[in-house]
PDB file of N, CA and C in Angstrom:
ATOM      1  N   UNK A   1    -227.979-117.351  31.033  1.00  0.00           N
ATOM      2  CA  UNK A   1    -228.971-118.131  31.967  1.00  0.00           C
ATOM      3  C   UNK A   1    -229.943-117.002  32.175  1.00  0.00           C
ATOM      4  N   UNK A   2    -231.208-117.711  32.425  1.00  0.00           N
ATOM      5  CA  UNK A   2    -232.301-116.717  32.759  1.00  0.00           C
ATOM      6  C   UNK A   2    -232.272-116.403  34.273  1.00  0.00           C
ATOM      7  N   UNK A   3    -232.835-114.975  34.465  1.00  0.00           N
ATOM      8  CA  UNK A   3    -232.797-114.566  35.827  1.00  0.00           C
ATOM      9  C   UNK A   3    -233.969-115.287  36.697  1.00  0.00           C
ATOM     10  N   UNK A   4    -233.678-115.370  37.921  1.00  0.00           N
ATOM     11  CA  UNK A   4    -234.648-115.858  38.933  1.00  0.00           C
ATOM     12  C   UNK A   4    -235.216-117.082  38.700  1.00  0.00           C
ATOM     13  N   UNK A   5    -234.455-118.077  38.042  1.00  0.00           N
ATOM     14  CA  UNK A   5    -235.312-119.611  38.023  1.00  0.00           C
ATOM     15  C   UNK A   5    -233.997-120.364  38.625  1.00  0.00           C
ATOM     16  N   UNK A   6    -232.838-119.986  38.862  1.00  0.00           N
ATOM     17  CA  UNK A   6    -231.797-120.762  39.588  1.00  0.00           C
ATOM     18  C   UNK A   6    -231.793-120.633  41.132  1.00  0.00           C
ATOM     19  N   UNK A   7    -231.528-121.686  41.713  1.00  0.00           N
ATOM     20  CA  UNK A   7    -231.383-121.706  43.261  1.00  0.00           C
ATOM     21  C   UNK A   7    -230.094-120.804  43.668  1.00  0.00           C
ATOM     22  N   UNK A   8    -230.214-120.176  44.865  1.00  0.00           N
ATOM     23  CA  UNK A   8    -228.905-119.500  45.371  1.00  0.00           C
ATOM     24  C   UNK A   8    -227.699-120.534  45.531  1.00  0.00           C
ATOM     25  N   UNK A   9    -226.523-120.185  45.293  1.00  0.00           N
ATOM     26  CA  UNK A   9    -225.584-120.923  45.360  1.00  0.00           C
ATOM     27  C   UNK A   9    -224.687-120.325  46.556  1.00  0.00           C
ATOM     28  N   UNK A  10    -224.590-120.925  47.640  1.00  0.00           N
ATOM     29  CA  UNK A  10    -224.224-120.397  49.102  1.00  0.00           C
ATOM     30  C   UNK A  10    -222.975-121.247  49.415  1.00  0.00           C
ATOM     31  N   UNK A  11    -222.285-120.594  50.420  1.00  0.00           N
ATOM     32  CA  UNK A  11    -221.100-121.497  51.238  1.00  0.00           C
ATOM     33  C   UNK A  11    -221.989-122.424  51.992  1.00  0.00           C
ATOM     34  N   UNK A  12    -221.386-123.569  52.047  1.00  0.00           N
ATOM     35  CA  UNK A  12    -222.074-124.681  52.663  1.00  0.00           C
ATOM     36  C   UNK A  12    -221.162-125.480  53.803  1.00  0.00           C
ATOM     37  N   UNK A  13    -221.503-125.718  54.902  1.00  0.00           N
ATOM     38  CA  UNK A  13    -220.608-126.524  55.794  1.00  0.00           C
ATOM     39  C   UNK A  13    -221.165-127.908  55.862  1.00  0.00           C
ATOM     40  N   UNK A  14    -220.367-128.894  55.431  1.00  0.00           N
ATOM     41  CA  UNK A  14    -220.614-130.399  55.492  1.00  0.00           C
ATOM     42  C   UNK A  14    -220.240-130.970  56.618  1.00  0.00           C
ATOM     43  N   UNK A  15    -221.054-131.703  57.393  1.00  0.00           N
ATOM     44  CA  UNK A  15    -220.753-132.337  58.781  1.00  0.00           C
ATOM     45  C   UNK A  15    -220.953-133.759  58.560  1.00  0.00           C
ATOM     46  N   UNK A  16    -219.878-134.571  59.051  1.00  0.00           N
ATOM     47  CA  UNK A  16    -219.984-135.989  58.927  1.00  0.00           C
ATOM     48  C   UNK A  16    -220.348-136.580  60.370  1.00  0.00           C
ATOM     49  N   UNK A  17    -220.630-137.753  60.321  1.00  0.00           N
ATOM     50  CA  UNK A  17    -221.130-138.486  61.546  1.00  0.00           C
ATOM     51  C   UNK A  17    -219.998-138.681  62.508  1.00  0.00           C
ATOM     52  N   UNK A  18    -218.736-138.811  61.716  1.00  0.00           N
ATOM     53  CA  UNK A  18    -217.493-139.075  62.693  1.00  0.00           C
ATOM     54  C   UNK A  18    -216.823-137.663  63.189  1.00  0.00           C
ATOM     55  N   UNK A  19    -217.619-136.672  63.194  1.00  0.00           N
ATOM     56  CA  UNK A  19    -217.116-135.158  63.613  1.00  0.00           C
ATOM     57  C   UNK A  19    -216.334-134.371  62.703  1.00  0.00           C
ATOM     58  N   UNK A  20    -215.989-134.905  61.563  1.00  0.00           N
ATOM     59  CA  UNK A  20    -215.214-134.042  60.630  1.00  0.00           C
ATOM     60  C   UNK A  20    -216.161-133.065  59.764  1.00  0.00           C
ATOM     61  N   UNK A  21    -215.691-131.907  59.631  1.00  0.00           N
ATOM     62  CA  UNK A  21    -216.605-130.996  58.949  1.00  0.00           C
ATOM     63  C   UNK A  21    -215.653-130.220  57.823  1.00  0.00           C
ATOM     64  N   UNK A  22    -216.089-129.661  56.806  1.00  0.00           N
ATOM     65  CA  UNK A  22    -215.370-128.777  55.830  1.00  0.00           C
ATOM     66  C   UNK A  22    -216.502-127.932  55.061  1.00  0.00           C
ATOM     67  N   UNK A  23    -215.791-127.110  54.304  1.00  0.00           N
ATOM     68  CA  UNK A  23    -216.687-126.042  53.825  1.00  0.00           C
ATOM     69  C   UNK A  23    -216.535-126.328  52.272  1.00  0.00           C
ATOM     70  N   UNK A  24    -217.708-126.050  51.625  1.00  0.00           N
ATOM     71  CA  UNK A  24    -217.804-126.106  50.047  1.00  0.00           C
ATOM     72  C   UNK A  24    -218.884-125.230  49.675  1.00  0.00           C
ATOM     73  N   UNK A  25    -219.248-125.298  48.538  1.00  0.00           N
ATOM     74  CA  UNK A  25    -220.413-124.345  47.999  1.00  0.00           C
ATOM     75  C   UNK A  25    -221.612-125.281  47.444  1.00  0.00           C
ATOM     76  N   UNK A  26    -222.869-125.077  47.590  1.00  0.00           N
ATOM     77  CA  UNK A  26    -223.837-125.953  47.269  1.00  0.00           C
ATOM     78  C   UNK A  26    -225.084-124.847  47.309  1.00  0.00           C
ATOM     79  N   UNK A  27    -226.233-125.771  46.979  1.00  0.00           N
ATOM     80  CA  UNK A  27    -227.398-124.751  47.059  1.00  0.00           C
ATOM     81  C   UNK A  27    -228.185-124.947  48.323  1.00  0.00           C
ATOM     82  N   UNK A  28    -227.550-125.591  49.348  1.00  0.00           N
ATOM     83  CA  UNK A  28    -228.154-125.820  50.788  1.00  0.00           C
ATOM     84  C   UNK A  28    -227.143-125.151  51.765  1.00  0.00           C
ATOM     85  N   UNK A  29    -227.612-124.471  52.729  1.00  0.00           N
ATOM     86  CA  UNK A  29    -226.542-123.861  53.672  1.00  0.00           C
ATOM     87  C   UNK A  29    -225.872-124.939  54.606  1.00  0.00           C
ATOM     88  N   UNK A  30    -226.455-126.156  54.768  1.00  0.00           N
ATOM     89  CA  UNK A  30    -225.581-127.176  55.603  1.00  0.00           C
ATOM     90  C   UNK A  30    -226.150-128.402  55.058  1.00  0.00           C
ATOM     91  N   UNK A  31    -225.044-129.242  54.920  1.00  0.00           N
ATOM     92  CA  UNK A  31    -225.369-130.807  54.785  1.00  0.00           C
ATOM     93  C   UNK A  31    -224.586-131.776  55.864  1.00  0.00           C
ATOM     94  N   UNK A  32    -225.501-132.803  56.161  1.00  0.00           N
ATOM     95  CA  UNK A  32    -224.852-133.622  57.218  1.00  0.00           C
ATOM     96  C   UNK A  32    -224.789-134.965  56.425  1.00  0.00           C
ATOM     97  N   UNK A  33    -223.630-135.650  56.401  1.00  0.00           N
ATOM     98  CA  UNK A  33    -223.623-137.045  55.760  1.00  0.00           C
ATOM     99  C   UNK A  33    -223.050-138.084  56.804  1.00  0.00           C
ATOM    100  N   UNK A  34    -223.124-139.372  56.465  1.00  0.00           N
ATOM    101  CA  UNK A  34    -222.911-140.352  57.188  1.00  0.00           C
ATOM    102  C   UNK A  34    -221.413-140.769  57.141  1.00  0.00           C
ATOM    103  N   UNK A  35    -220.827-140.704  56.138  1.00  0.00           N
ATOM    104  CA  UNK A  35    -219.373-141.074  55.986  1.00  0.00           C
ATOM    105  C   UNK A  35    -218.732-139.836  54.926  1.00  0.00           C
ATOM    106  N   UNK A  36    -217.308-139.874  55.383  1.00  0.00           N
ATOM    107  CA  UNK A  36    -216.680-138.758  54.586  1.00  0.00           C
ATOM    108  C   UNK A  36    -215.345-139.354  53.990  1.00  0.00           C
ATOM    109  N   UNK A  37    -214.431-138.601  53.537  1.00  0.00           N
ATOM    110  CA  UNK A  37    -213.040-138.985  53.269  1.00  0.00           C
ATOM    111  C   UNK A  37    -212.233-139.337  54.300  1.00  0.00           C
ATOM    112  N   UNK A  38    -212.345-138.730  55.551  1.00  0.00           N
ATOM    113  CA  UNK A  38    -211.737-138.890  56.703  1.00  0.00           C
ATOM    114  C   UNK A  38    -211.866-140.308  57.523  1.00  0.00           C
ATOM    115  N   UNK A  39    -213.204-140.858  57.153  1.00  0.00           N
ATOM    116  CA  UNK A  39    -213.517-142.088  57.849  1.00  0.00           C
ATOM    117  C   UNK A  39    -213.964-143.212  56.861  1.00  0.00           C
ATOM    118  N   UNK A  40    -213.898-142.970  55.671  1.00  0.00           N
ATOM    119  CA  UNK A  40    -214.301-144.089  54.535  1.00  0.00           C
ATOM    120  C   UNK A  40    -213.168-145.023  54.528  1.00  0.00           C
ATOM    121  N   UNK A  41    -213.441-146.375  54.441  1.00  0.00           N
ATOM    122  CA  UNK A  41    -212.576-147.314  54.293  1.00  0.00           C
ATOM    123  C   UNK A  41    -211.518-147.225  53.250  1.00  0.00           C
ATOM    124  N   UNK A  42    -211.998-146.769  52.080  1.00  0.00           N
ATOM    125  CA  UNK A  42    -211.259-146.632  50.892  1.00  0.00           C
ATOM    126  C   UNK A  42    -210.043-145.665  51.175  1.00  0.00           C
ATOM    127  N   UNK A  43    -210.297-144.535  52.028  1.00  0.00           N
ATOM    128  CA  UNK A  43    -209.315-143.527  51.978  1.00  0.00           C
ATOM    129  C   UNK A  43    -208.475-143.809  53.256  1.00  0.00           C
ATOM    130  N   UNK A  44    -208.932-144.519  54.193  1.00  0.00           N
ATOM    131  CA  UNK A  44    -208.325-144.833  55.656  1.00  0.00           C
ATOM    132  C   UNK A  44    -207.440-146.114  55.504  1.00  0.00           C
ATOM    133  N   UNK A  45    -207.836-147.087  54.650  1.00  0.00           N
ATOM    134  CA  UNK A  45    -207.311-148.305  54.522  1.00  0.00           C
ATOM    135  C   UNK A  45    -207.573-149.334  55.635  1.00  0.00           C
ATOM    136  N   UNK A  46    -208.440-148.827  56.555  1.00  0.00           N
ATOM    137  CA  UNK A  46    -209.068-149.565  57.630  1.00  0.00           C
ATOM    138  C   UNK A  46    -210.284-150.244  57.369  1.00  0.00           C
ATOM    139  N   UNK A  47    -210.658-151.538  57.814  1.00  0.00           N
ATOM    140  CA  UNK A  47    -212.046-151.998  57.556  1.00  0.00           C
ATOM    141  C   UNK A  47    -212.890-151.470  58.687  1.00  0.00           C
ATOM    142  N   UNK A  48    -213.957-150.952  58.221  1.00  0.00           N
ATOM    143  CA  UNK A  48    -215.114-150.497  58.920  1.00  0.00           C
ATOM    144  C   UNK A  48    -216.324-150.984  58.434  1.00  0.00           C
ATOM    145  N   UNK A  49    -217.295-151.489  59.261  1.00  0.00           N
ATOM    146  CA  UNK A  49    -218.679-151.850  58.770  1.00  0.00           C
ATOM    147  C   UNK A  49    -219.689-150.590  59.118  1.00  0.00           C
ATOM    148  N   UNK A  50    -220.239-150.137  57.938  1.00  0.00           N
ATOM    149  CA  UNK A  50    -220.996-149.049  58.095  1.00  0.00           C
ATOM    150  C   UNK A  50    -222.431-149.612  58.084  1.00  0.00           C
ATOM    151  N   UNK A  51    -223.003-149.826  59.081  1.00  0.00           N
ATOM    152  CA  UNK A  51    -224.552-150.084  59.297  1.00  0.00           C
ATOM    153  C   UNK A  51    -225.325-149.368  60.242  1.00  0.00           C
ATOM    154  N   UNK A  52    -226.103-148.660  59.409  1.00  0.00           N
ATOM    155  CA  UNK A  52    -226.911-147.745  59.941  1.00  0.00           C
ATOM    156  C   UNK A  52    -228.389-148.251  60.390  1.00  0.00           C
ATOM    157  N   UNK A  53    -228.786-149.432  59.719  1.00  0.00           N
ATOM    158  CA  UNK A  53    -230.049-149.933  59.891  1.00  0.00           C
ATOM    159  C   UNK A  53    -229.930-151.360  60.824  1.00  0.00           C
ATOM    160  N   UNK A  54    -228.906-151.621  61.240  1.00  0.00           N
ATOM    161  CA  UNK A  54    -228.699-152.731  62.218  1.00  0.00           C
ATOM    162  C   UNK A  54    -228.820-154.022  61.533  1.00  0.00           C
ATOM    163  N   UNK A  55    -228.446-154.140  60.307  1.00  0.00           N
ATOM    164  CA  UNK A  55    -228.495-155.430  59.639  1.00  0.00           C
ATOM    165  C   UNK A  55    -227.438-156.398  59.843  1.00  0.00           C
ATOM    166  N   UNK A  56    -226.271-155.996  60.398  1.00  0.00           N
ATOM    167  CA  UNK A  56    -225.214-156.981  60.728  1.00  0.00           C
ATOM    168  C   UNK A  56    -225.871-157.662  61.968  1.00  0.00           C
ATOM    169  N   UNK A  57    -226.287-156.949  62.965  1.00  0.00           N
ATOM    170  CA  UNK A  57    -226.724-157.410  64.327  1.00  0.00           C
ATOM    171  C   UNK A  57    -227.810-158.363  64.038  1.00  0.00           C
ATOM    172  N   UNK A  58    -228.611-158.040  63.027  1.00  0.00           N
ATOM    173  CA  UNK A  58    -229.823-158.955  62.996  1.00  0.00           C
ATOM    174  C   UNK A  58    -229.444-160.115  62.387  1.00  0.00           C
ATOM    175  N   UNK A  59    -228.435-160.086  61.371  1.00  0.00           N
ATOM    176  CA  UNK A  59    -227.809-161.259  60.721  1.00  0.00           C
ATOM    177  C   UNK A  59    -227.139-162.236  61.733  1.00  0.00           C
ATOM    178  N   UNK A  60    -226.536-161.657  62.691  1.00  0.00           N
ATOM    179  CA  UNK A  60    -225.580-162.503  63.792  1.00  0.00           C
ATOM    180  C   UNK A  60    -226.565-163.009  64.663  1.00  0.00           C
ATOM    181  N   UNK A  61    -227.745-162.276  65.077  1.00  0.00           N
ATOM    182  CA  UNK A  61    -228.731-163.141  65.909  1.00  0.00           C
ATOM    183  C   UNK A  61    -229.470-163.993  65.314  1.00  0.00           C
ATOM    184  N   UNK A  62    -229.659-164.023  64.002  1.00  0.00           N
ATOM    185  CA  UNK A  62    -230.450-164.970  63.258  1.00  0.00           C
ATOM    186  C   UNK A  62    -229.684-166.285  63.155  1.00  0.00           C
ATOM    187  N   UNK A  63    -228.277-166.360  62.870  1.00  0.00           N
ATOM    188  CA  UNK A  63    -227.490-167.463  62.758  1.00  0.00           C
ATOM    189  C   UNK A  63    -226.689-167.818  63.887  1.00  0.00           C
ATOM    190  N   UNK A  64    -226.786-167.053  65.055  1.00  0.00           N
ATOM    191  CA  UNK A  64    -226.090-167.493  66.399  1.00  0.00           C
ATOM    192  C   UNK A  64    -226.252-168.809  66.778  1.00  0.00           C
ATOM    193  N   UNK A  65    -227.607-169.170  66.925  1.00  0.00           N
ATOM    194  CA  UNK A  65    -228.083-170.426  67.420  1.00  0.00           C
ATOM    195  C   UNK A  65    -227.753-171.635  66.589  1.00  0.00           C
ATOM    196  N   UNK A  66    -227.954-171.246  65.216  1.00  0.00           N
ATOM    197  CA  UNK A  66    -227.810-172.426  64.276  1.00  0.00           C
ATOM    198  C   UNK A  66    -226.375-172.747  63.962  1.00  0.00           C
ATOM    199  N   UNK A  67    -225.651-171.676  63.890  1.00  0.00           N
ATOM    200  CA  UNK A  67    -224.206-171.942  63.475  1.00  0.00           C
ATOM    201  C   UNK A  67    -224.019-172.276  62.146  1.00  0.00           C
ATOM    202  N   UNK A  68    -224.877-171.482  61.333  1.00  0.00           N
ATOM    203  CA  UNK A  68    -224.711-171.923  59.723  1.00  0.00           C
ATOM    204  C   UNK A  68    -225.011-173.295  59.374  1.00  0.00           C
ATOM    205  N   UNK A  69    -225.747-174.114  60.139  1.00  0.00           N
ATOM    206  CA  UNK A  69    -226.029-175.331  60.003  1.00  0.00           C
ATOM    207  C   UNK A  69    -226.797-175.456  58.711  1.00  0.00           C
ATOM    208  N   UNK A  70    -227.802-174.735  58.314  1.00  0.00           N
ATOM    209  CA  UNK A  70    -228.395-174.738  57.274  1.00  0.00           C
ATOM    210  C   UNK A  70    -227.648-174.460  55.966  1.00  0.00           C
ATOM    211  N   UNK A  71    -226.567-173.756  55.898  1.00  0.00           N
ATOM    212  CA  UNK A  71    -225.867-173.526  54.866  1.00  0.00           C
ATOM    213  C   UNK A  71    -224.953-174.781  54.520  1.00  0.00           C
ATOM    214  N   UNK A  72    -224.537-175.458  55.653  1.00  0.00           N
ATOM    215  CA  UNK A  72    -223.935-176.587  55.449  1.00  0.00           C
ATOM    216  C   UNK A  72    -224.560-177.866  54.931  1.00  0.00           C
ATOM    217  N   UNK A  73    -225.875-177.937  55.215  1.00  0.00           N
ATOM    218  CA  UNK A  73    -226.870-179.030  54.992  1.00  0.00           C
ATOM    219  C   UNK A  73    -227.147-178.741  53.599  1.00  0.00           C
ATOM    220  N   UNK A  74    -227.388-177.575  52.996  1.00  0.00           N
ATOM    221  CA  UNK A  74    -227.540-177.490  51.464  1.00  0.00           C
ATOM    222  C   UNK A  74    -226.451-177.938  50.709  1.00  0.00           C
ATOM    223  N   UNK A  75    -225.108-177.411  51.145  1.00  0.00           N
ATOM    224  CA  UNK A  75    -223.880-178.019  50.547  1.00  0.00           C
ATOM    225  C   UNK A  75    -223.888-179.543  50.536  1.00  0.00           C
ATOM    226  N   UNK A  76    -224.148-180.215  51.668  1.00  0.00           N
ATOM    227  CA  UNK A  76    -224.117-181.623  51.638  1.00  0.00           C
ATOM    228  C   UNK A  76    -225.064-182.420  50.881  1.00  0.00           C
ATOM    229  N   UNK A  77    -226.304-181.706  50.836  1.00  0.00           N
ATOM    230  CA  UNK A  77    -227.349-182.288  49.839  1.00  0.00           C
ATOM    231  C   UNK A  77    -226.866-182.271  48.391  1.00  0.00           C
ATOM    232  N   UNK A  78    -226.291-181.240  48.038  1.00  0.00           N
ATOM    233  CA  UNK A  78    -225.763-181.058  46.659  1.00  0.00           C
ATOM    234  C   UNK A  78    -224.550-181.813  46.355  1.00  0.00           C
ATOM    235  N   UNK A  79    -223.833-182.243  47.344  1.00  0.00           N
ATOM    236  CA  UNK A  79    -222.807-183.115  46.997  1.00  0.00           C
ATOM    237  C   UNK A  79    -223.191-184.594  46.995  1.00  0.00           C
ATOM    238  N   UNK A  80    -224.337-184.968  47.768  1.00  0.00           N
ATOM    239  CA  UNK A  80    -224.881-186.236  47.652  1.00  0.00           C
ATOM    240  C   UNK A  80    -225.717-186.427  46.275  1.00  0.00           C
ATOM    241  N   UNK A  81    -226.286-185.546  45.917  1.00  0.00           N
ATOM    242  CA  UNK A  81    -226.820-185.594  44.352  1.00  0.00           C
ATOM    243  C   UNK A  81    -225.885-185.762  43.414  1.00  0.00           C
ATOM    244  N   UNK A  82    -224.994-185.094  43.580  1.00  0.00           N
ATOM    245  CA  UNK A  82    -223.835-184.940  42.589  1.00  0.00           C
ATOM    246  C   UNK A  82    -223.081-186.400  42.421  1.00  0.00           C
ATOM    247  N   UNK A  83    -222.949-186.947  43.744  1.00  0.00           N
ATOM    248  CA  UNK A  83    -222.456-188.408  43.820  1.00  0.00           C
ATOM    249  C   UNK A  83    -223.302-189.415  43.205  1.00  0.00           C
ATOM    250  N   UNK A  84    -224.747-189.229  43.289  1.00  0.00           N
ATOM    251  CA  UNK A  84    -225.702-190.098  42.820  1.00  0.00           C
ATOM    252  C   UNK A  84    -225.669-190.114  41.451  1.00  0.00           C
ATOM    253  N   UNK A  85    -225.511-189.020  40.836  1.00  0.00           N
ATOM    254  CA  UNK A  85    -225.494-188.844  39.317  1.00  0.00           C
ATOM    255  C   UNK A  85    -224.266-189.551  38.596  1.00  0.00           C
ATOM    256  N   UNK A  86    -223.206-189.649  39.253  1.00  0.00           N
ATOM    257  CA  UNK A  86    -222.130-190.264  38.877  1.00  0.00           C
ATOM    258  C   UNK A  86    -222.252-191.711  38.829  1.00  0.00           C
ATOM    259  N   UNK A  87    -222.940-192.371  39.765  1.00  0.00           N
ATOM    260  CA  UNK A  87    -223.099-193.940  39.730  1.00  0.00           C
ATOM    261  C   UNK A  87    -223.854-194.489  38.592  1.00  0.00           C
TER     262      UNK A  87
END
């Protein structure tokens, strides 16, 4: 390895949004993550929505008043056109 071209490899503290923290080694002294093995659904076996941008609430607000009527209407139209083709 060439001297003075590689970053320093230091002890690192990783902190998760759930409050869990652990130590490892990295080129940065501190890392902050949104999800870790203590709160990830794959490791815990529990369903959890990870929504940092508010997309789920935006979707629920958008379809709260219509009740998914637009999705049913498109399905009905395709069934009607399929029936018309068989006649």
